[in-house]
Amino acid sequence: MGFLQRLKDDLRSGLATLRLGTAHAAGRALEETELLRMRLELRKLDQQVADLHKDIGERAVEMKERGETAERVLYDAEIVRLVHEVHSLEESREKLEAEMAEIRNEQ
């Protein structure tokens, strides 16, 4: 095998390695972008849950100040609705965290 043939083979091998590395880097960048999007979504969910907790607390204090019994506060339709909403958001958060863990495990 001549020198030029070896040089040609080395160049082909180098280009193949470069293409593979570029494809890997692009895939990694896409994964990181997706993880960042998911982290932002988690923050939004956390803020929504915090806002709902605040609303629940304000409603409960308002009712108690009006002289409502603890049982009436506990079974208030608005409070029950807000609590269900909190549970729904927490389930969404758990699913999102599982998706993030799955993406991390693929790396």
N, C-alpha and C. Protein backbone atom coordinates (compact mmCIF):
# COMPACT_ATOMS: atom_id res chain seq x y z
N MET A 1 0.84 -1.16 0.00
CA MET A 1 0.00 0.00 0.00
C MET A 1 0.89 1.23 0.00
N GLY A 2 0.57 2.15 -0.87
CA GLY A 2 1.40 3.33 -0.99
C GLY A 2 1.06 4.38 0.04
N PHE A 3 1.95 5.32 0.08
CA PHE A 3 1.79 6.42 1.02
C PHE A 3 0.50 7.19 0.76
N LEU A 4 0.19 7.47 -0.49
CA LEU A 4 -1.02 8.21 -0.83
C LEU A 4 -2.28 7.44 -0.44
N GLN A 5 -2.24 6.12 -0.62
CA GLN A 5 -3.40 5.31 -0.25
C GLN A 5 -3.64 5.35 1.26
N ARG A 6 -2.57 5.26 2.03
CA ARG A 6 -2.69 5.34 3.48
C ARG A 6 -3.20 6.72 3.91
N LEU A 7 -2.70 7.75 3.27
CA LEU A 7 -3.14 9.11 3.58
C LEU A 7 -4.63 9.27 3.27
N LYS A 8 -5.04 8.71 2.14
CA LYS A 8 -6.45 8.77 1.74
C LYS A 8 -7.32 8.02 2.76
N ASP A 9 -6.90 6.84 3.18
CA ASP A 9 -7.64 6.06 4.17
C ASP A 9 -7.71 6.78 5.52
N ASP A 10 -6.61 7.40 5.92
CA ASP A 10 -6.58 8.15 7.18
C ASP A 10 -7.53 9.35 7.14
N LEU A 11 -7.57 10.03 6.00
CA LEU A 11 -8.48 11.16 5.85
C LEU A 11 -9.93 10.71 5.92
N ARG A 12 -10.25 9.60 5.27
CA ARG A 12 -11.61 9.07 5.33
C ARG A 12 -11.98 8.69 6.76
N SER A 13 -11.06 8.04 7.43
CA SER A 13 -11.31 7.65 8.81
C SER A 13 -11.50 8.88 9.70
N GLY A 14 -10.68 9.88 9.48
CA GLY A 14 -10.78 11.12 10.26
C GLY A 14 -12.10 11.83 10.01
N LEU A 15 -12.53 11.88 8.78
CA LEU A 15 -13.81 12.51 8.46
C LEU A 15 -14.98 11.74 9.08
N ALA A 16 -14.92 10.43 9.05
CA ALA A 16 -15.98 9.62 9.66
C ALA A 16 -16.04 9.87 11.16
N THR A 17 -14.88 9.95 11.80
CA THR A 17 -14.82 10.24 13.23
C THR A 17 -15.37 11.63 13.53
N LEU A 18 -15.03 12.59 12.68
CA LEU A 18 -15.51 13.95 12.84
C LEU A 18 -17.03 14.01 12.70
N ARG A 19 -17.58 13.32 11.71
CA ARG A 19 -19.03 13.29 11.52
C ARG A 19 -19.72 12.66 12.73
N LEU A 20 -19.16 11.57 13.22
CA LEU A 20 -19.74 10.91 14.39
C LEU A 20 -19.72 11.83 15.61
N GLY A 21 -18.61 12.49 15.81
CA GLY A 21 -18.49 13.42 16.94
C GLY A 21 -19.45 14.58 16.82
N THR A 22 -19.61 15.09 15.61
CA THR A 22 -20.54 16.19 15.38
C THR A 22 -21.98 15.75 15.64
N ALA A 23 -22.34 14.57 15.17
CA ALA A 23 -23.69 14.05 15.41
C ALA A 23 -23.93 13.84 16.90
N HIS A 24 -22.93 13.33 17.60
CA HIS A 24 -23.04 13.12 19.05
C HIS A 24 -23.22 14.46 19.77
N ALA A 25 -22.44 15.46 19.38
CA ALA A 25 -22.52 16.77 20.02
C ALA A 25 -23.89 17.41 19.76
N ALA A 26 -24.40 17.26 18.55
CA ALA A 26 -25.72 17.81 18.22
C ALA A 26 -26.81 17.12 19.03
N GLY A 27 -26.72 15.81 19.16
CA GLY A 27 -27.69 15.06 19.96
C GLY A 27 -27.64 15.48 21.41
N ARG A 28 -26.47 15.65 21.91
CA ARG A 28 -26.29 16.08 23.32
C ARG A 28 -26.87 17.48 23.53
N ALA A 29 -26.65 18.37 22.58
CA ALA A 29 -27.18 19.72 22.68
C ALA A 29 -28.71 19.69 22.70
N LEU A 30 -29.31 18.84 21.88
CA LEU A 30 -30.77 18.71 21.87
C LEU A 30 -31.29 18.19 23.21
N GLU A 31 -30.58 17.22 23.78
CA GLU A 31 -30.98 16.68 25.09
C GLU A 31 -30.90 17.76 26.17
N GLU A 32 -29.84 18.52 26.15
CA GLU A 32 -29.67 19.58 27.16
C GLU A 32 -30.72 20.66 26.99
N THR A 33 -31.07 20.98 25.75
CA THR A 33 -32.12 21.96 25.50
C THR A 33 -33.44 21.46 26.03
N GLU A 34 -33.74 20.19 25.80
CA GLU A 34 -34.99 19.60 26.30
C GLU A 34 -35.01 19.59 27.83
N LEU A 35 -33.89 19.26 28.45
CA LEU A 35 -33.82 19.28 29.92
C LEU A 35 -34.04 20.69 30.46
N LEU A 36 -33.48 21.67 29.80
CA LEU A 36 -33.67 23.06 30.22
C LEU A 36 -35.14 23.45 30.12
N ARG A 37 -35.79 23.08 29.03
CA ARG A 37 -37.21 23.36 28.87
C ARG A 37 -38.02 22.71 29.99
N MET A 38 -37.65 21.48 30.33
CA MET A 38 -38.36 20.76 31.38
C MET A 38 -38.14 21.40 32.75
N ARG A 39 -36.91 21.86 33.01
CA ARG A 39 -36.64 22.54 34.28
C ARG A 39 -37.47 23.82 34.41
N LEU A 40 -37.61 24.54 33.31
CA LEU A 40 -38.45 25.73 33.33
C LEU A 40 -39.90 25.37 33.60
N GLU A 41 -40.37 24.29 33.01
CA GLU A 41 -41.73 23.82 33.24
C GLU A 41 -41.92 23.43 34.71
N LEU A 42 -40.89 22.78 35.30
CA LEU A 42 -40.96 22.43 36.73
C LEU A 42 -41.10 23.69 37.59
N ARG A 43 -40.35 24.71 37.25
CA ARG A 43 -40.43 25.96 38.02
C ARG A 43 -41.83 26.57 37.92
N LYS A 44 -42.41 26.51 36.73
CA LYS A 44 -43.77 27.04 36.56
C LYS A 44 -44.76 26.24 37.41
N LEU A 45 -44.62 24.92 37.38
CA LEU A 45 -45.52 24.08 38.19
C LEU A 45 -45.35 24.38 39.67
N ASP A 46 -44.10 24.52 40.11
CA ASP A 46 -43.85 24.84 41.52
C ASP A 46 -44.49 26.17 41.92
N GLN A 47 -44.40 27.15 41.02
CA GLN A 47 -44.99 28.46 41.31
C GLN A 47 -46.51 28.36 41.37
N GLN A 48 -47.10 27.58 40.46
CA GLN A 48 -48.55 27.40 40.49
C GLN A 48 -49.00 26.72 41.78
N VAL A 49 -48.24 25.72 42.22
CA VAL A 49 -48.58 25.03 43.47
C VAL A 49 -48.47 26.00 44.65
N ALA A 50 -47.42 26.79 44.67
CA ALA A 50 -47.24 27.77 45.74
C ALA A 50 -48.40 28.78 45.75
N ASP A 51 -48.81 29.22 44.58
CA ASP A 51 -49.93 30.16 44.50
C ASP A 51 -51.23 29.52 45.01
N LEU A 52 -51.44 28.26 44.66
CA LEU A 52 -52.64 27.56 45.13
C LEU A 52 -52.62 27.38 46.65
N HIS A 53 -51.45 27.04 47.19
CA HIS A 53 -51.33 26.91 48.65
C HIS A 53 -51.67 28.24 49.32
N LYS A 54 -51.20 29.32 48.74
CA LYS A 54 -51.50 30.65 49.28
C LYS A 54 -53.00 30.90 49.23
N ASP A 55 -53.63 30.58 48.10
CA ASP A 55 -55.08 30.79 47.95
C ASP A 55 -55.87 29.95 48.96
N ILE A 56 -55.43 28.71 49.15
CA ILE A 56 -56.10 27.83 50.12
C ILE A 56 -56.00 28.43 51.52
N GLY A 57 -54.81 28.87 51.88
CA GLY A 57 -54.60 29.45 53.21
C GLY A 57 -55.41 30.71 53.42
N GLU A 58 -55.43 31.58 52.41
CA GLU A 58 -56.19 32.81 52.53
C GLU A 58 -57.69 32.52 52.69
N ARG A 59 -58.17 31.56 51.90
CA ARG A 59 -59.59 31.20 51.97
C ARG A 59 -59.92 30.63 53.36
N ALA A 60 -59.06 29.75 53.87
CA ALA A 60 -59.30 29.14 55.18
C ALA A 60 -59.30 30.19 56.29
N VAL A 61 -58.35 31.11 56.26
CA VAL A 61 -58.27 32.17 57.28
C VAL A 61 -59.49 33.08 57.19
N GLU A 62 -59.86 33.43 55.97
CA GLU A 62 -61.04 34.28 55.78
C GLU A 62 -62.30 33.62 56.35
N MET A 63 -62.47 32.34 56.07
CA MET A 63 -63.64 31.62 56.58
C MET A 63 -63.62 31.53 58.10
N LYS A 64 -62.46 31.27 58.67
CA LYS A 64 -62.33 31.14 60.13
C LYS A 64 -62.63 32.48 60.80
N GLU A 65 -62.16 33.56 60.17
CA GLU A 65 -62.42 34.89 60.73
C GLU A 65 -63.91 35.23 60.68
N ARG A 66 -64.63 34.66 59.73
CA ARG A 66 -66.08 34.87 59.65
C ARG A 66 -66.82 34.00 60.66
N GLY A 67 -66.10 33.14 61.36
CA GLY A 67 -66.71 32.32 62.38
C GLY A 67 -67.11 30.93 61.91
N GLU A 68 -66.65 30.53 60.74
CA GLU A 68 -66.97 29.19 60.22
C GLU A 68 -66.26 28.15 61.09
N THR A 69 -66.88 26.98 61.23
CA THR A 69 -66.26 25.89 61.99
C THR A 69 -65.12 25.29 61.17
N ALA A 70 -64.24 24.60 61.85
CA ALA A 70 -63.11 23.95 61.18
C ALA A 70 -63.60 22.92 60.16
N GLU A 71 -64.66 22.22 60.52
CA GLU A 71 -65.19 21.21 59.60
C GLU A 71 -65.74 21.87 58.34
N ARG A 72 -66.41 22.99 58.50
CA ARG A 72 -66.95 23.72 57.34
C ARG A 72 -65.81 24.22 56.44
N VAL A 73 -64.74 24.69 57.06
CA VAL A 73 -63.57 25.14 56.30
C VAL A 73 -62.98 23.97 55.54
N LEU A 74 -62.86 22.83 56.20
CA LEU A 74 -62.25 21.66 55.60
C LEU A 74 -63.00 21.16 54.38
N TYR A 75 -64.32 21.25 54.43
CA TYR A 75 -65.15 20.72 53.34
C TYR A 75 -65.68 21.81 52.40
N ASP A 76 -65.13 23.00 52.50
CA ASP A 76 -65.53 24.09 51.61
C ASP A 76 -65.26 23.71 50.16
N ALA A 77 -66.23 23.94 49.29
CA ALA A 77 -66.12 23.53 47.88
C ALA A 77 -64.92 24.17 47.19
N GLU A 78 -64.66 25.44 47.45
CA GLU A 78 -63.54 26.12 46.82
C GLU A 78 -62.21 25.55 47.30
N ILE A 79 -62.10 25.29 48.58
CA ILE A 79 -60.87 24.71 49.11
C ILE A 79 -60.66 23.31 48.56
N VAL A 80 -61.70 22.53 48.49
CA VAL A 80 -61.60 21.17 47.94
C VAL A 80 -61.15 21.23 46.48
N ARG A 81 -61.72 22.17 45.71
CA ARG A 81 -61.33 22.32 44.30
C ARG A 81 -59.86 22.69 44.18
N LEU A 82 -59.42 23.62 45.01
CA LEU A 82 -58.02 24.04 44.97
C LEU A 82 -57.07 22.90 45.36
N VAL A 83 -57.46 22.12 46.34
CA VAL A 83 -56.63 20.98 46.77
C VAL A 83 -56.53 19.96 45.63
N HIS A 84 -57.64 19.71 44.93
CA HIS A 84 -57.59 18.79 43.79
C HIS A 84 -56.66 19.32 42.69
N GLU A 85 -56.69 20.61 42.51
CA GLU A 85 -55.82 21.23 41.52
C GLU A 85 -54.35 21.06 41.91
N VAL A 86 -54.06 21.22 43.20
CA VAL A 86 -52.69 21.01 43.70
C VAL A 86 -52.25 19.58 43.41
N HIS A 87 -53.11 18.61 43.70
CA HIS A 87 -52.77 17.21 43.46
C HIS A 87 -52.52 16.96 41.98
N SER A 88 -53.31 17.56 41.13
CA SER A 88 -53.14 17.41 39.69
C SER A 88 -51.79 17.97 39.23
N LEU A 89 -51.43 19.14 39.74
CA LEU A 89 -50.14 19.74 39.39
C LEU A 89 -48.98 18.91 39.92
N GLU A 90 -49.14 18.35 41.11
CA GLU A 90 -48.08 17.51 41.67
C GLU A 90 -47.89 16.24 40.85
N GLU A 91 -48.98 15.68 40.33
CA GLU A 91 -48.86 14.51 39.45
C GLU A 91 -48.14 14.88 38.16
N SER A 92 -48.46 16.03 37.62
CA SER A 92 -47.78 16.50 36.41
C SER A 92 -46.30 16.68 36.66
N ARG A 93 -45.98 17.21 37.85
CA ARG A 93 -44.58 17.42 38.21
C ARG A 93 -43.83 16.08 38.29
N GLU A 94 -44.46 15.09 38.90
CA GLU A 94 -43.83 13.77 39.03
C GLU A 94 -43.58 13.15 37.65
N LYS A 95 -44.53 13.29 36.74
CA LYS A 95 -44.35 12.76 35.38
C LYS A 95 -43.20 13.46 34.68
N LEU A 96 -43.13 14.77 34.84
CA LEU A 96 -42.06 15.54 34.21
C LEU A 96 -40.71 15.15 34.79
N GLU A 97 -40.64 14.96 36.09
CA GLU A 97 -39.38 14.53 36.71
C GLU A 97 -38.97 13.15 36.20
N ALA A 98 -39.93 12.26 36.00
CA ALA A 98 -39.63 10.92 35.48
C ALA A 98 -39.10 11.02 34.05
N GLU A 99 -39.68 11.89 33.23
CA GLU A 99 -39.20 12.09 31.87
C GLU A 99 -37.77 12.63 31.88
N MET A 100 -37.50 13.56 32.80
CA MET A 100 -36.15 14.12 32.90
C MET A 100 -35.15 13.04 33.30
N ALA A 101 -35.53 12.20 34.25
CA ALA A 101 -34.65 11.11 34.68
C ALA A 101 -34.37 10.15 33.53
N GLU A 102 -35.39 9.91 32.73
CA GLU A 102 -35.23 9.02 31.58
C GLU A 102 -34.24 9.59 30.58
N ILE A 103 -34.34 10.89 30.32
CA ILE A 103 -33.41 11.54 29.39
C ILE A 103 -31.99 11.49 29.95
N ARG A 104 -31.85 11.73 31.24
CA ARG A 104 -30.51 11.69 31.87
C ARG A 104 -29.91 10.27 31.80
N ASN A 105 -30.75 9.26 31.97
CA ASN A 105 -30.26 7.88 31.93
C ASN A 105 -29.84 7.45 30.55
N GLU A 106 -30.41 8.07 29.51
CA GLU A 106 -30.01 7.75 28.13
C GLU A 106 -28.62 8.25 27.83
N GLN A 107 -28.19 9.26 28.57
CA GLN A 107 -26.87 9.84 28.31
C GLN A 107 -25.86 8.88 28.80
